[in-house]
Amino acid sequence: MSAISPLTASLYVFAGGGAGALLRYQAGRFLTHLLGPQAVTAFPWATLTVNVIGSCAMGLLAGWLARHGDAGGEQWRLLIGVGLLGGFTTFSAFSLELMLLIERGQPWLAVSYTLISVLAGLTGLYIGLIAMRIAG
C-alpha cells in the first residue's frame, strides 16, 4: 500500500472535520430542543454529551484500527479520528492520549498531562478574555 499524499490526507481531514463540526452544532440544537434553553444554559449538557460520545467513538475507532489497521487504516484514522472526531470534539483526542499514557504504565505523566492541559487551557482562555477586555 502506498503512502497517502499530503493533499489527499488534508482532504480526508477537511471532509471529516466539516462533518464533525456540523454534527456538534446539530447535537447542541437537538439537546436545546429536547431539554429546553434554560437547562442547557444552566449546565453544559451539549458539551458533556458530545465529549462522551466522541470519546466512545474514538475508543471504537482506536480498537478497530488496532485490529484492522492495515485495511485502509490511515484513511479511516484521518477521516474519522482526526477529521470527524476532531471537528466534533477535541476531547476525544485528549481522552485517547491520556489512556495511552495510562496503558503504557505512565500514571504520573498522565496526571501531569491532565493538570497541564486543564490549567493551561483555562489560563489561555483567561488571557484571551483579559486581552479583549483591555482592547475594549
Protein backbone atom coordinates (compact mmCIF):
# COMPACT_ATOMS: atom_id res chain seq x y z
CA MET A 1 0.00 0.00 0.00
CA SER A 2 1.41 3.39 -0.96
CA ALA A 3 1.56 6.36 1.37
CA ILE A 4 -1.20 8.95 1.25
CA SER A 5 -0.14 12.23 -0.31
CA PRO A 6 -0.29 15.31 1.95
CA LEU A 7 -3.04 16.79 -0.24
CA THR A 8 -5.18 13.65 -0.04
CA ALA A 9 -4.59 13.41 3.71
CA SER A 10 -5.65 17.04 4.09
CA LEU A 11 -8.81 16.39 2.09
CA TYR A 12 -9.75 13.47 4.34
CA VAL A 13 -9.27 15.67 7.44
CA PHE A 14 -11.15 18.56 5.81
CA ALA A 15 -14.15 16.42 4.86
CA GLY A 16 -14.32 14.73 8.24
CA GLY A 17 -13.78 17.98 10.15
CA GLY A 18 -16.62 19.75 8.38
CA ALA A 19 -18.98 16.86 9.07
CA GLY A 20 -17.86 16.70 12.71
CA ALA A 21 -18.39 20.43 13.27
CA LEU A 22 -21.86 20.18 11.73
CA LEU A 23 -22.71 17.20 13.94
CA ARG A 24 -21.54 19.10 17.03
CA TYR A 25 -23.70 22.08 16.12
CA GLN A 26 -26.73 19.87 15.48
CA ALA A 27 -26.20 17.98 18.75
CA GLY A 28 -26.33 21.30 20.59
CA ARG A 29 -29.51 22.30 18.77
CA PHE A 30 -31.09 18.90 19.44
CA LEU A 31 -30.30 18.98 23.15
CA THR A 32 -31.58 22.54 23.42
CA HIS A 33 -34.82 21.41 21.77
CA LEU A 34 -35.02 18.29 23.95
CA LEU A 35 -34.12 19.82 27.33
CA GLY A 36 -35.03 23.46 26.80
CA PRO A 37 -32.86 26.58 26.70
CA GLN A 38 -32.85 27.03 30.48
CA ALA A 39 -31.48 23.54 31.13
CA VAL A 40 -28.68 23.83 28.57
CA THR A 41 -27.60 27.24 29.84
CA ALA A 42 -27.67 26.08 33.49
CA PHE A 43 -25.33 23.13 32.73
CA PRO A 44 -23.26 22.42 29.59
CA TRP A 45 -25.22 19.30 28.60
CA ALA A 46 -24.38 19.57 24.92
CA THR A 47 -20.62 19.75 25.50
CA LEU A 48 -20.73 16.90 28.01
CA THR A 49 -22.77 14.75 25.63
CA VAL A 50 -20.51 15.47 22.67
CA ASN A 51 -17.39 14.76 24.73
CA VAL A 52 -18.69 11.41 25.97
CA ILE A 53 -19.95 10.32 22.55
CA GLY A 54 -16.74 11.48 20.87
CA SER A 55 -14.56 9.69 23.41
CA CYS A 56 -16.54 6.48 22.99
CA ALA A 57 -16.29 6.77 19.20
CA MET A 58 -12.52 7.37 19.48
CA GLY A 59 -12.22 4.22 21.57
CA LEU A 60 -14.16 2.24 18.98
CA LEU A 61 -12.01 3.64 16.18
CA ALA A 62 -8.74 3.02 18.03
CA GLY A 63 -9.79 -0.55 18.80
CA TRP A 64 -10.85 -1.16 15.21
CA LEU A 65 -7.62 0.34 13.83
CA ALA A 66 -5.56 -1.80 16.20
CA ARG A 67 -7.29 -4.90 14.86
CA HIS A 68 -7.80 -3.96 11.18
CA GLY A 69 -5.46 -1.01 10.63
CA ASP A 70 -3.88 -2.46 7.53
CA ALA A 71 -7.22 -2.31 5.67
CA GLY A 72 -7.13 1.40 4.77
CA GLY A 73 -6.44 2.32 8.38
CA GLU A 74 -4.66 5.59 7.67
CA GLN A 75 -7.55 6.91 5.58
CA TRP A 76 -10.04 5.99 8.33
CA ARG A 77 -7.79 7.50 11.02
CA LEU A 78 -7.58 10.77 9.09
CA LEU A 79 -11.24 10.91 8.06
CA ILE A 80 -12.83 9.80 11.33
CA GLY A 81 -10.22 10.22 14.07
CA VAL A 82 -8.55 13.46 13.07
CA GLY A 83 -11.33 14.96 10.95
CA LEU A 84 -14.79 13.88 12.11
CA LEU A 85 -14.00 13.44 15.80
CA GLY A 86 -11.61 16.41 15.76
CA GLY A 87 -14.41 18.61 14.42
CA PHE A 88 -16.94 17.02 16.76
CA THR A 89 -14.82 17.22 19.91
CA THR A 90 -11.11 17.53 20.63
CA PHE A 91 -11.81 15.93 23.99
CA SER A 92 -11.85 12.56 22.25
CA ALA A 93 -8.21 13.02 21.19
CA PHE A 94 -7.31 14.15 24.72
CA SER A 95 -9.03 11.06 26.15
CA LEU A 96 -7.19 8.74 23.76
CA GLU A 97 -3.79 10.29 24.51
CA LEU A 98 -4.45 10.16 28.24
CA MET A 99 -5.48 6.50 28.08
CA LEU A 100 -2.36 5.64 26.06
CA LEU A 101 -0.20 7.16 28.80
CA ILE A 102 -2.05 5.14 31.44
CA GLU A 103 -1.81 1.91 29.40
CA ARG A 104 1.93 2.49 28.93
CA GLY A 105 2.30 2.48 32.70
CA GLN A 106 2.98 6.21 32.96
CA PRO A 107 0.36 7.32 35.51
CA TRP A 108 2.30 10.37 36.70
CA LEU A 109 2.77 11.57 33.16
CA ALA A 110 -0.98 11.05 32.63
CA VAL A 111 -1.80 13.11 35.73
CA SER A 112 0.67 15.79 34.65
CA TYR A 113 -0.81 15.89 31.15
CA THR A 114 -4.32 16.24 32.57
CA LEU A 115 -3.42 19.01 35.00
CA ILE A 116 -1.30 20.91 32.48
CA SER A 117 -3.98 20.62 29.80
CA VAL A 118 -6.78 21.88 32.03
CA LEU A 119 -4.77 24.60 33.77
CA ALA A 120 -3.02 25.82 30.61
CA GLY A 121 -6.31 25.81 28.72
CA LEU A 122 -8.04 27.83 31.42
CA THR A 123 -5.07 30.19 31.62
CA GLY A 124 -5.09 30.69 27.86
CA LEU A 125 -8.82 31.41 27.93
CA TYR A 126 -8.37 33.87 30.79
CA ILE A 127 -5.53 35.67 28.99
CA GLY A 128 -7.67 35.92 25.85
CA LEU A 129 -10.63 37.31 27.79
CA ILE A 130 -8.47 39.86 29.62
CA ALA A 131 -6.77 40.92 26.35
CA MET A 132 -10.15 41.53 24.73
CA ARG A 133 -11.44 43.43 27.76
CA ILE A 134 -8.35 45.66 27.71
CA ALA A 135 -8.67 46.15 23.93
CA GLY A 136 -12.16 47.35 24.65
